[in-house]
Amino acid sequence: MKMSDKVYTILKYLCQVFLPALASLYFGLAQIWNLPYAEQIVGSIACITTFIGVLIGISSYNYYKESKNV
């Protein structure tokens, strides 16, 4: 699995910054304003973040594996 630098950068930003911040924001607001499904939404975001992290890890592994063979 290879991805372009742009896709890699976007996914890395989503995984490391945006999605965790979004989960924290919703969880905090859900506690203050009694918003529905806080655990389900935050859990879903955590699953998505983990999945993207695995994709990034596979891409990084393949990139470094190829660069050592060159």
PDB file of N, CA and C in Angstrom:
ATOM      1  N   MET A   1       0.852  -1.178   0.000  1.00  0.00           N
ATOM      2  CA  MET A   1       0.000   0.000   0.000  1.00  0.00           C
ATOM      3  C   MET A   1       0.894   1.236   0.000  1.00  0.00           C
ATOM      4  N   LYS A   2       0.753   2.031  -1.029  1.00  0.00           N
ATOM      5  CA  LYS A   2       1.492   3.288  -1.117  1.00  0.00           C
ATOM      6  C   LYS A   2       0.483   4.414  -1.232  1.00  0.00           C
ATOM      7  N   MET A   3       0.788   5.518  -0.569  1.00  0.00           N
ATOM      8  CA  MET A   3      -0.075   6.689  -0.703  1.00  0.00           C
ATOM      9  C   MET A   3       0.801   7.902  -0.977  1.00  0.00           C
ATOM     10  N   SER A   4       0.209   8.874  -1.608  1.00  0.00           N
ATOM     11  CA  SER A   4       0.964  10.081  -1.932  1.00  0.00           C
ATOM     12  C   SER A   4       1.304  10.841  -0.652  1.00  0.00           C
ATOM     13  N   ASP A   5       2.277  11.727  -0.757  1.00  0.00           N
ATOM     14  CA  ASP A   5       2.680  12.538   0.397  1.00  0.00           C
ATOM     15  C   ASP A   5       1.511  13.365   0.927  1.00  0.00           C
ATOM     16  N   LYS A   6       0.706  13.890   0.010  1.00  0.00           N
ATOM     17  CA  LYS A   6      -0.427  14.723   0.420  1.00  0.00           C
ATOM     18  C   LYS A   6      -1.447  13.910   1.216  1.00  0.00           C
ATOM     19  N   VAL A   7      -1.799  12.729   0.729  1.00  0.00           N
ATOM     20  CA  VAL A   7      -2.755  11.872   1.430  1.00  0.00           C
ATOM     21  C   VAL A   7      -2.185  11.469   2.790  1.00  0.00           C
ATOM     22  N   TYR A   8      -0.905  11.094   2.814  1.00  0.00           N
ATOM     23  CA  TYR A   8      -0.243  10.700   4.059  1.00  0.00           C
ATOM     24  C   TYR A   8      -0.291  11.836   5.080  1.00  0.00           C
ATOM     25  N   THR A   9       0.024  13.041   4.643  1.00  0.00           N
ATOM     26  CA  THR A   9       0.038  14.204   5.532  1.00  0.00           C
ATOM     27  C   THR A   9      -1.362  14.499   6.079  1.00  0.00           C
ATOM     28  N   ILE A  10      -2.361  14.421   5.221  1.00  0.00           N
ATOM     29  CA  ILE A  10      -3.740  14.676   5.652  1.00  0.00           C
ATOM     30  C   ILE A  10      -4.190  13.621   6.654  1.00  0.00           C
ATOM     31  N   LEU A  11      -3.949  12.362   6.350  1.00  0.00           N
ATOM     32  CA  LEU A  11      -4.355  11.294   7.265  1.00  0.00           C
ATOM     33  C   LEU A  11      -3.620  11.385   8.607  1.00  0.00           C
ATOM     34  N   LYS A  12      -2.347  11.738   8.551  1.00  0.00           N
ATOM     35  CA  LYS A  12      -1.576  11.871   9.789  1.00  0.00           C
ATOM     36  C   LYS A  12      -2.125  13.012  10.643  1.00  0.00           C
ATOM     37  N   TYR A  13      -2.464  14.125  10.023  1.00  0.00           N
ATOM     38  CA  TYR A  13      -3.063  15.248  10.744  1.00  0.00           C
ATOM     39  C   TYR A  13      -4.409  14.848  11.360  1.00  0.00           C
ATOM     40  N   LEU A  14      -5.234  14.162  10.569  1.00  0.00           N
ATOM     41  CA  LEU A  14      -6.523  13.709  11.080  1.00  0.00           C
ATOM     42  C   LEU A  14      -6.347  12.792  12.291  1.00  0.00           C
ATOM     43  N   CYS A  15      -5.400  11.880  12.183  1.00  0.00           N
ATOM     44  CA  CYS A  15      -5.196  10.869  13.221  1.00  0.00           C
ATOM     45  C   CYS A  15      -4.569  11.446  14.483  1.00  0.00           C
ATOM     46  N   GLN A  16      -3.624  12.354  14.336  1.00  0.00           N
ATOM     47  CA  GLN A  16      -2.884  12.847  15.493  1.00  0.00           C
ATOM     48  C   GLN A  16      -3.473  14.104  16.114  1.00  0.00           C
ATOM     49  N   VAL A  17      -4.206  14.894  15.341  1.00  0.00           N
ATOM     50  CA  VAL A  17      -4.666  16.184  15.846  1.00  0.00           C
ATOM     51  C   VAL A  17      -6.192  16.306  15.811  1.00  0.00           C
ATOM     52  N   PHE A  18      -6.757  16.250  14.619  1.00  0.00           N
ATOM     53  CA  PHE A  18      -8.159  16.616  14.449  1.00  0.00           C
ATOM     54  C   PHE A  18      -9.140  15.672  15.144  1.00  0.00           C
ATOM     55  N   LEU A  19      -9.033  14.382  14.869  1.00  0.00           N
ATOM     56  CA  LEU A  19     -10.009  13.447  15.433  1.00  0.00           C
ATOM     57  C   LEU A  19      -9.925  13.354  16.964  1.00  0.00           C
ATOM     58  N   PRO A  20      -8.731  13.279  17.560  1.00  0.00           N
ATOM     59  CA  PRO A  20      -8.692  13.301  19.033  1.00  0.00           C
ATOM     60  C   PRO A  20      -9.267  14.590  19.623  1.00  0.00           C
ATOM     61  N   ALA A  21      -8.996  15.722  18.975  1.00  0.00           N
ATOM     62  CA  ALA A  21      -9.546  16.994  19.450  1.00  0.00           C
ATOM     63  C   ALA A  21     -11.069  17.003  19.323  1.00  0.00           C
ATOM     64  N   LEU A  22     -11.573  16.486  18.224  1.00  0.00           N
ATOM     65  CA  LEU A  22     -13.014  16.408  18.021  1.00  0.00           C
ATOM     66  C   LEU A  22     -13.678  15.518  19.072  1.00  0.00           C
ATOM     67  N   ALA A  23     -13.062  14.384  19.353  1.00  0.00           N
ATOM     68  CA  ALA A  23     -13.605  13.480  20.368  1.00  0.00           C
ATOM     69  C   ALA A  23     -13.624  14.146  21.737  1.00  0.00           C
ATOM     70  N   SER A  24     -12.547  14.818  22.081  1.00  0.00           N
ATOM     71  CA  SER A  24     -12.488  15.520  23.369  1.00  0.00           C
ATOM     72  C   SER A  24     -13.522  16.631  23.449  1.00  0.00           C
ATOM     73  N   LEU A  25     -13.666  17.369  22.363  1.00  0.00           N
ATOM     74  CA  LEU A  25     -14.648  18.446  22.324  1.00  0.00           C
ATOM     75  C   LEU A  25     -16.058  17.906  22.532  1.00  0.00           C
ATOM     76  N   TYR A  26     -16.411  16.863  21.782  1.00  0.00           N
ATOM     77  CA  TYR A  26     -17.767  16.334  21.905  1.00  0.00           C
ATOM     78  C   TYR A  26     -18.003  15.750  23.292  1.00  0.00           C
ATOM     79  N   PHE A  27     -17.024  15.027  23.807  1.00  0.00           N
ATOM     80  CA  PHE A  27     -17.205  14.419  25.121  1.00  0.00           C
ATOM     81  C   PHE A  27     -17.389  15.491  26.196  1.00  0.00           C
ATOM     82  N   GLY A  28     -16.579  16.535  26.123  1.00  0.00           N
ATOM     83  CA  GLY A  28     -16.718  17.625  27.094  1.00  0.00           C
ATOM     84  C   GLY A  28     -18.051  18.332  26.985  1.00  0.00           C
ATOM     85  N   LEU A  29     -18.450  18.664  25.768  1.00  0.00           N
ATOM     86  CA  LEU A  29     -19.728  19.340  25.568  1.00  0.00           C
ATOM     87  C   LEU A  29     -20.905  18.438  25.926  1.00  0.00           C
ATOM     88  N   ALA A  30     -20.768  17.158  25.661  1.00  0.00           N
ATOM     89  CA  ALA A  30     -21.844  16.224  25.998  1.00  0.00           C
ATOM     90  C   ALA A  30     -22.061  16.171  27.505  1.00  0.00           C
ATOM     91  N   GLN A  31     -20.974  16.269  28.265  1.00  0.00           N
ATOM     92  CA  GLN A  31     -21.101  16.260  29.717  1.00  0.00           C
ATOM     93  C   GLN A  31     -21.750  17.550  30.222  1.00  0.00           C
ATOM     94  N   ILE A  32     -21.386  18.659  29.629  1.00  0.00           N
ATOM     95  CA  ILE A  32     -21.915  19.956  30.069  1.00  0.00           C
ATOM     96  C   ILE A  32     -23.376  20.138  29.644  1.00  0.00           C
ATOM     97  N   TRP A  33     -23.675  19.785  28.383  1.00  0.00           N
ATOM     98  CA  TRP A  33     -24.990  20.067  27.813  1.00  0.00           C
ATOM     99  C   TRP A  33     -25.885  18.831  27.711  1.00  0.00           C
ATOM    100  N   ASN A  34     -25.455  17.737  28.266  1.00  0.00           N
ATOM    101  CA  ASN A  34     -26.226  16.484  28.199  1.00  0.00           C
ATOM    102  C   ASN A  34     -26.567  16.083  26.768  1.00  0.00           C
ATOM    103  N   LEU A  35     -25.577  16.162  25.900  1.00  0.00           N
ATOM    104  CA  LEU A  35     -25.762  15.744  24.510  1.00  0.00           C
ATOM    105  C   LEU A  35     -25.837  14.219  24.451  1.00  0.00           C
ATOM    106  N   PRO A  36     -26.531  13.683  23.467  1.00  0.00           N
ATOM    107  CA  PRO A  36     -26.743  12.228  23.421  1.00  0.00           C
ATOM    108  C   PRO A  36     -25.532  11.452  22.890  1.00  0.00           C
ATOM    109  N   TYR A  37     -25.477  10.194  23.272  1.00  0.00           N
ATOM    110  CA  TYR A  37     -24.546   9.206  22.715  1.00  0.00           C
ATOM    111  C   TYR A  37     -23.070   9.575  22.840  1.00  0.00           C
ATOM    112  N   ALA A  38     -22.687  10.194  23.936  1.00  0.00           N
ATOM    113  CA  ALA A  38     -21.293  10.630  24.092  1.00  0.00           C
ATOM    114  C   ALA A  38     -20.324   9.456  23.984  1.00  0.00           C
ATOM    115  N   GLU A  39     -20.581   8.392  24.701  1.00  0.00           N
ATOM    116  CA  GLU A  39     -19.667   7.246  24.669  1.00  0.00           C
ATOM    117  C   GLU A  39     -19.617   6.595  23.291  1.00  0.00           C
ATOM    118  N   GLN A  40     -20.748   6.486  22.644  1.00  0.00           N
ATOM    119  CA  GLN A  40     -20.784   5.858  21.324  1.00  0.00           C
ATOM    120  C   GLN A  40     -20.042   6.699  20.287  1.00  0.00           C
ATOM    121  N   ILE A  41     -20.248   7.999  20.326  1.00  0.00           N
ATOM    122  CA  ILE A  41     -19.594   8.875  19.351  1.00  0.00           C
ATOM    123  C   ILE A  41     -18.092   8.920  19.586  1.00  0.00           C
ATOM    124  N   VAL A  42     -17.688   9.094  20.828  1.00  0.00           N
ATOM    125  CA  VAL A  42     -16.251   9.145  21.136  1.00  0.00           C
ATOM    126  C   VAL A  42     -15.598   7.790  20.849  1.00  0.00           C
ATOM    127  N   GLY A  43     -16.292   6.706  21.170  1.00  0.00           N
ATOM    128  CA  GLY A  43     -15.766   5.380  20.852  1.00  0.00           C
ATOM    129  C   GLY A  43     -15.618   5.161  19.362  1.00  0.00           C
ATOM    130  N   SER A  44     -16.583   5.643  18.593  1.00  0.00           N
ATOM    131  CA  SER A  44     -16.508   5.524  17.134  1.00  0.00           C
ATOM    132  C   SER A  44     -15.337   6.320  16.577  1.00  0.00           C
ATOM    133  N   ILE A  45     -15.142   7.527  17.077  1.00  0.00           N
ATOM    134  CA  ILE A  45     -14.008   8.346  16.636  1.00  0.00           C
ATOM    135  C   ILE A  45     -12.695   7.659  16.990  1.00  0.00           C
ATOM    136  N   ALA A  46     -12.632   7.029  18.159  1.00  0.00           N
ATOM    137  CA  ALA A  46     -11.418   6.309  18.553  1.00  0.00           C
ATOM    138  C   ALA A  46     -11.141   5.142  17.606  1.00  0.00           C
ATOM    139  N   CYS A  47     -12.182   4.428  17.201  1.00  0.00           N
ATOM    140  CA  CYS A  47     -12.010   3.324  16.251  1.00  0.00           C
ATOM    141  C   CYS A  47     -11.514   3.826  14.896  1.00  0.00           C
ATOM    142  N   ILE A  48     -12.088   4.920  14.427  1.00  0.00           N
ATOM    143  CA  ILE A  48     -11.669   5.506  13.151  1.00  0.00           C
ATOM    144  C   ILE A  48     -10.221   5.973  13.236  1.00  0.00           C
ATOM    145  N   THR A  49      -9.855   6.604  14.349  1.00  0.00           N
ATOM    146  CA  THR A  49      -8.482   7.077  14.546  1.00  0.00           C
ATOM    147  C   THR A  49      -7.507   5.907  14.545  1.00  0.00           C
ATOM    148  N   THR A  50      -7.864   4.840  15.205  1.00  0.00           N
ATOM    149  CA  THR A  50      -7.008   3.650  15.230  1.00  0.00           C
ATOM    150  C   THR A  50      -6.842   3.069  13.835  1.00  0.00           C
ATOM    151  N   PHE A  51      -7.926   2.992  13.082  1.00  0.00           N
ATOM    152  CA  PHE A  51      -7.864   2.466  11.719  1.00  0.00           C
ATOM    153  C   PHE A  51      -6.948   3.315  10.840  1.00  0.00           C
ATOM    154  N   ILE A  52      -7.097   4.631  10.918  1.00  0.00           N
ATOM    155  CA  ILE A  52      -6.235   5.520  10.133  1.00  0.00           C
ATOM    156  C   ILE A  52      -4.781   5.377  10.574  1.00  0.00           C
ATOM    157  N   GLY A  53      -4.565   5.238  11.876  1.00  0.00           N
ATOM    158  CA  GLY A  53      -3.204   5.040  12.378  1.00  0.00           C
ATOM    159  C   GLY A  53      -2.560   3.781  11.824  1.00  0.00           C
ATOM    160  N   VAL A  54      -3.330   2.718  11.712  1.00  0.00           N
ATOM    161  CA  VAL A  54      -2.812   1.475  11.132  1.00  0.00           C
ATOM    162  C   VAL A  54      -2.466   1.687   9.657  1.00  0.00           C
ATOM    163  N   LEU A  55      -3.327   2.375   8.924  1.00  0.00           N
ATOM    164  CA  LEU A  55      -3.028   2.660   7.516  1.00  0.00           C
ATOM    165  C   LEU A  55      -1.745   3.472   7.371  1.00  0.00           C
ATOM    166  N   ILE A  56      -1.559   4.452   8.235  1.00  0.00           N
ATOM    167  CA  ILE A  56      -0.345   5.266   8.206  1.00  0.00           C
ATOM    168  C   ILE A  56       0.876   4.403   8.525  1.00  0.00           C
ATOM    169  N   GLY A  57       0.737   3.534   9.512  1.00  0.00           N
ATOM    170  CA  GLY A  57       1.840   2.651   9.882  1.00  0.00           C
ATOM    171  C   GLY A  57       2.234   1.714   8.750  1.00  0.00           C
ATOM    172  N   ILE A  58       1.256   1.143   8.071  1.00  0.00           N
ATOM    173  CA  ILE A  58       1.537   0.258   6.931  1.00  0.00           C
ATOM    174  C   ILE A  58       2.225   1.031   5.822  1.00  0.00           C
ATOM    175  N   SER A  59       1.729   2.228   5.541  1.00  0.00           N
ATOM    176  CA  SER A  59       2.332   3.053   4.496  1.00  0.00           C
ATOM    177  C   SER A  59       3.778   3.419   4.850  1.00  0.00           C
ATOM    178  N   SER A  60       4.017   3.787   6.100  1.00  0.00           N
ATOM    179  CA  SER A  60       5.379   4.131   6.535  1.00  0.00           C
ATOM    180  C   SER A  60       6.306   2.930   6.426  1.00  0.00           C
ATOM    181  N   TYR A  61       5.831   1.778   6.860  1.00  0.00           N
ATOM    182  CA  TYR A  61       6.629   0.559   6.788  1.00  0.00           C
ATOM    183  C   TYR A  61       7.017   0.265   5.343  1.00  0.00           C
ATOM    184  N   ASN A  62       6.050   0.322   4.444  1.00  0.00           N
ATOM    185  CA  ASN A  62       6.330   0.052   3.027  1.00  0.00           C
ATOM    186  C   ASN A  62       7.278   1.075   2.435  1.00  0.00           C
ATOM    187  N   TYR A  63       7.136   2.341   2.823  1.00  0.00           N
ATOM    188  CA  TYR A  63       8.021   3.383   2.314  1.00  0.00           C
ATOM    189  C   TYR A  63       9.465   3.133   2.732  1.00  0.00           C
ATOM    190  N   TYR A  64       9.661   2.859   4.032  1.00  0.00           N
ATOM    191  CA  TYR A  64      11.023   2.646   4.523  1.00  0.00           C
ATOM    192  C   TYR A  64      11.593   1.323   4.019  1.00  0.00           C
ATOM    193  N   LYS A  65      10.760   0.329   3.813  1.00  0.00           N
ATOM    194  CA  LYS A  65      11.193  -0.949   3.267  1.00  0.00           C
ATOM    195  C   LYS A  65      11.704  -0.758   1.836  1.00  0.00           C
ATOM    196  N   GLU A  66      10.958   0.031   1.054  1.00  0.00           N
ATOM    197  CA  GLU A  66      11.373   0.308  -0.332  1.00  0.00           C
ATOM    198  C   GLU A  66      12.644   1.149  -0.385  1.00  0.00           C
ATOM    199  N   SER A  67      12.759   2.127   0.521  1.00  0.00           N
ATOM    200  CA  SER A  67      13.929   3.004   0.480  1.00  0.00           C
ATOM    201  C   SER A  67      15.209   2.272   0.865  1.00  0.00           C
ATOM    202  N   LYS A  68      15.113   1.226   1.662  1.00  0.00           N
ATOM    203  CA  LYS A  68      16.291   0.430   2.012  1.00  0.00           C
ATOM    204  C   LYS A  68      16.722  -0.454   0.863  1.00  0.00           C
ATOM    205  N   ASN A  69      15.784  -0.865   0.005  1.00  0.00           N
ATOM    206  CA  ASN A  69      16.116  -1.714  -1.126  1.00  0.00           C
ATOM    207  C   ASN A  69      16.741  -0.951  -2.274  1.00  0.00           C
ATOM    208  N   VAL A  70      16.610   0.351  -2.285  1.00  0.00           N
ATOM    209  CA  VAL A  70      17.119   1.158  -3.396  1.00  0.00           C
ATOM    210  C   VAL A  70      18.582   1.411  -3.236  1.00  0.00           C
TER     211      VAL A  70
END
